[in-house]
Amino acid sequence: MSKGEKKAAYFEKLETLLTTYQSIFIVNVDNVGSQQMHMSRRSLRGEAEVLMGKNTMVRRALKMLLPKNPQLESLMPFVRGNVGFVFTNNPDLKE
């Protein structure tokens, strides 16, 4: 898979997640080790989906989706540093 194809697939995945899930959590993953990330993803399996990515790609994807969903602009200021997205439809996960 070429670099362009990977980026296109990432954009599609982000768009699908944004339209499929009702809640989005933005998580800061500074000083979080790979084992802790693995355990977090594992514990969320079936209830939520974690998406990590380069900030530039995330911002570009959000800008492309703004005409369809202007509310996404509120996410832009939070795409700074080492962040990821957790998508869920489970209302109990907020606790």
C-alpha atoms as a PDB file:
ATOM      1  CA  MET A   1       0.000   0.000   0.000  1.00  0.00           C
ATOM      2  CA  SER A   2       1.464   3.349  -1.029  1.00  0.00           C
ATOM      3  CA  LYS A   3       1.682   6.389   1.232  1.00  0.00           C
ATOM      4  CA  GLY A   4      -1.219   8.070  -0.574  1.00  0.00           C
ATOM      5  CA  GLU A   5      -3.388   4.971  -0.242  1.00  0.00           C
ATOM      6  CA  LYS A   6      -2.633   4.768   3.486  1.00  0.00           C
ATOM      7  CA  LYS A   7      -3.627   8.412   3.959  1.00  0.00           C
ATOM      8  CA  ALA A   8      -6.847   7.902   1.992  1.00  0.00           C
ATOM      9  CA  ALA A   9      -7.669   4.837   4.089  1.00  0.00           C
ATOM     10  CA  TYR A  10      -6.999   6.829   7.292  1.00  0.00           C
ATOM     11  CA  PHE A  11      -9.308   9.641   6.125  1.00  0.00           C
ATOM     12  CA  GLU A  12     -12.049   7.118   5.327  1.00  0.00           C
ATOM     13  CA  LYS A  13     -11.643   5.424   8.707  1.00  0.00           C
ATOM     14  CA  LEU A  14     -11.818   8.739  10.569  1.00  0.00           C
ATOM     15  CA  GLU A  15     -14.918   9.775   8.623  1.00  0.00           C
ATOM     16  CA  THR A  16     -16.576   6.418   9.333  1.00  0.00           C
ATOM     17  CA  LEU A  17     -15.803   6.657  13.046  1.00  0.00           C
ATOM     18  CA  LEU A  18     -17.045  10.255  13.255  1.00  0.00           C
ATOM     19  CA  THR A  19     -20.372   9.306  11.654  1.00  0.00           C
ATOM     20  CA  THR A  20     -20.799   5.972  13.461  1.00  0.00           C
ATOM     21  CA  TYR A  21     -20.157   6.939  17.069  1.00  0.00           C
ATOM     22  CA  GLN A  22     -22.060   9.441  19.212  1.00  0.00           C
ATOM     23  CA  SER A  23     -19.309  10.331  21.705  1.00  0.00           C
ATOM     24  CA  ILE A  24     -15.703  11.291  21.136  1.00  0.00           C
ATOM     25  CA  PHE A  25     -13.070  11.527  23.865  1.00  0.00           C
ATOM     26  CA  ILE A  26      -9.764  13.205  23.171  1.00  0.00           C
ATOM     27  CA  VAL A  27      -7.024  11.633  25.249  1.00  0.00           C
ATOM     28  CA  ASN A  28      -3.517  12.893  25.935  1.00  0.00           C
ATOM     29  CA  VAL A  29      -1.063  10.014  25.712  1.00  0.00           C
ATOM     30  CA  ASP A  30       2.126  11.740  26.864  1.00  0.00           C
ATOM     31  CA  ASN A  31       4.174   9.425  29.068  1.00  0.00           C
ATOM     32  CA  VAL A  32       1.928   6.451  28.278  1.00  0.00           C
ATOM     33  CA  GLY A  33       3.868   3.329  27.432  1.00  0.00           C
ATOM     34  CA  SER A  34       3.005   0.870  24.696  1.00  0.00           C
ATOM     35  CA  GLN A  35       1.994  -1.791  27.252  1.00  0.00           C
ATOM     36  CA  GLN A  36      -0.423   0.603  28.939  1.00  0.00           C
ATOM     37  CA  MET A  37      -1.883   1.599  25.526  1.00  0.00           C
ATOM     38  CA  HIS A  38      -2.261  -2.089  24.683  1.00  0.00           C
ATOM     39  CA  MET A  39      -4.118  -2.775  27.932  1.00  0.00           C
ATOM     40  CA  SER A  40      -6.354   0.276  27.437  1.00  0.00           C
ATOM     41  CA  ARG A  41      -7.273  -0.752  23.897  1.00  0.00           C
ATOM     42  CA  ARG A  42      -7.903  -4.279  25.082  1.00  0.00           C
ATOM     43  CA  SER A  43     -10.183  -3.175  27.945  1.00  0.00           C
ATOM     44  CA  LEU A  44     -12.174  -0.934  25.569  1.00  0.00           C
ATOM     45  CA  ARG A  45     -12.578  -3.618  22.913  1.00  0.00           C
ATOM     46  CA  GLY A  46     -16.217  -4.030  21.972  1.00  0.00           C
ATOM     47  CA  GLU A  47     -17.262  -0.789  23.675  1.00  0.00           C
ATOM     48  CA  ALA A  48     -15.041   1.817  22.071  1.00  0.00           C
ATOM     49  CA  GLU A  49     -12.458   2.303  19.361  1.00  0.00           C
ATOM     50  CA  VAL A  50      -9.155   4.111  19.801  1.00  0.00           C
ATOM     51  CA  LEU A  51      -7.644   6.026  16.882  1.00  0.00           C
ATOM     52  CA  MET A  52      -4.192   7.528  16.919  1.00  0.00           C
ATOM     53  CA  GLY A  53      -2.661   9.493  14.087  1.00  0.00           C
ATOM     54  CA  LYS A  54      -0.462  12.336  13.020  1.00  0.00           C
ATOM     55  CA  ASN A  55      -1.941  15.701  13.991  1.00  0.00           C
ATOM     56  CA  THR A  56      -1.487  17.125  10.502  1.00  0.00           C
ATOM     57  CA  MET A  57      -3.430  14.251   8.967  1.00  0.00           C
ATOM     58  CA  VAL A  58      -6.171  14.523  11.603  1.00  0.00           C
ATOM     59  CA  ARG A  59      -6.524  18.289  11.059  1.00  0.00           C
ATOM     60  CA  ARG A  60      -6.602  17.862   7.292  1.00  0.00           C
ATOM     61  CA  ALA A  61      -9.261  15.144   7.557  1.00  0.00           C
ATOM     62  CA  LEU A  62     -11.371  17.268   9.917  1.00  0.00           C
ATOM     63  CA  LYS A  63     -11.116  20.263   7.551  1.00  0.00           C
ATOM     64  CA  MET A  64     -12.289  18.084   4.660  1.00  0.00           C
ATOM     65  CA  LEU A  65     -15.299  16.958   6.728  1.00  0.00           C
ATOM     66  CA  LEU A  66     -16.267  20.445   7.971  1.00  0.00           C
ATOM     67  CA  PRO A  67     -18.723  21.168   5.125  1.00  0.00           C
ATOM     68  CA  LYS A  68     -20.683  18.023   6.048  1.00  0.00           C
ATOM     69  CA  ASN A  69     -20.432  18.528   9.820  1.00  0.00           C
ATOM     70  CA  PRO A  70     -19.481  22.049  11.016  1.00  0.00           C
ATOM     71  CA  GLN A  71     -19.448  20.888  14.670  1.00  0.00           C
ATOM     72  CA  LEU A  72     -16.118  19.161  14.016  1.00  0.00           C
ATOM     73  CA  GLU A  73     -14.408  22.536  14.120  1.00  0.00           C
ATOM     74  CA  SER A  74     -14.697  22.428  17.923  1.00  0.00           C
ATOM     75  CA  LEU A  75     -12.216  19.507  17.925  1.00  0.00           C
ATOM     76  CA  MET A  76      -9.483  21.415  16.083  1.00  0.00           C
ATOM     77  CA  PRO A  77      -7.961  23.276  19.072  1.00  0.00           C
ATOM     78  CA  PHE A  78      -7.482  19.960  20.898  1.00  0.00           C
ATOM     79  CA  VAL A  79      -5.445  18.321  18.139  1.00  0.00           C
ATOM     80  CA  ARG A  80      -2.129  19.392  19.664  1.00  0.00           C
ATOM     81  CA  GLY A  81       0.631  17.290  21.123  1.00  0.00           C
ATOM     82  CA  ASN A  82       0.419  13.555  21.597  1.00  0.00           C
ATOM     83  CA  VAL A  83      -3.339  12.956  21.465  1.00  0.00           C
ATOM     84  CA  GLY A  84      -5.680  10.222  20.342  1.00  0.00           C
ATOM     85  CA  PHE A  85      -9.414   9.792  19.899  1.00  0.00           C
ATOM     86  CA  VAL A  86     -11.684   7.321  21.672  1.00  0.00           C
ATOM     87  CA  PHE A  87     -14.999   6.781  19.881  1.00  0.00           C
ATOM     88  CA  THR A  88     -17.940   5.156  21.668  1.00  0.00           C
ATOM     89  CA  ASN A  89     -21.712   4.800  21.770  1.00  0.00           C
ATOM     90  CA  ASN A  90     -21.655   3.525  25.359  1.00  0.00           C
ATOM     91  CA  PRO A  91     -23.051   6.211  27.711  1.00  0.00           C
ATOM     92  CA  ASP A  92     -21.586   4.408  30.757  1.00  0.00           C
ATOM     93  CA  LEU A  93     -18.044   4.831  29.445  1.00  0.00           C
ATOM     94  CA  LYS A  94     -18.128   8.531  30.366  1.00  0.00           C
ATOM     95  CA  GLU A  95     -17.887   7.545  34.014  1.00  0.00           C
END
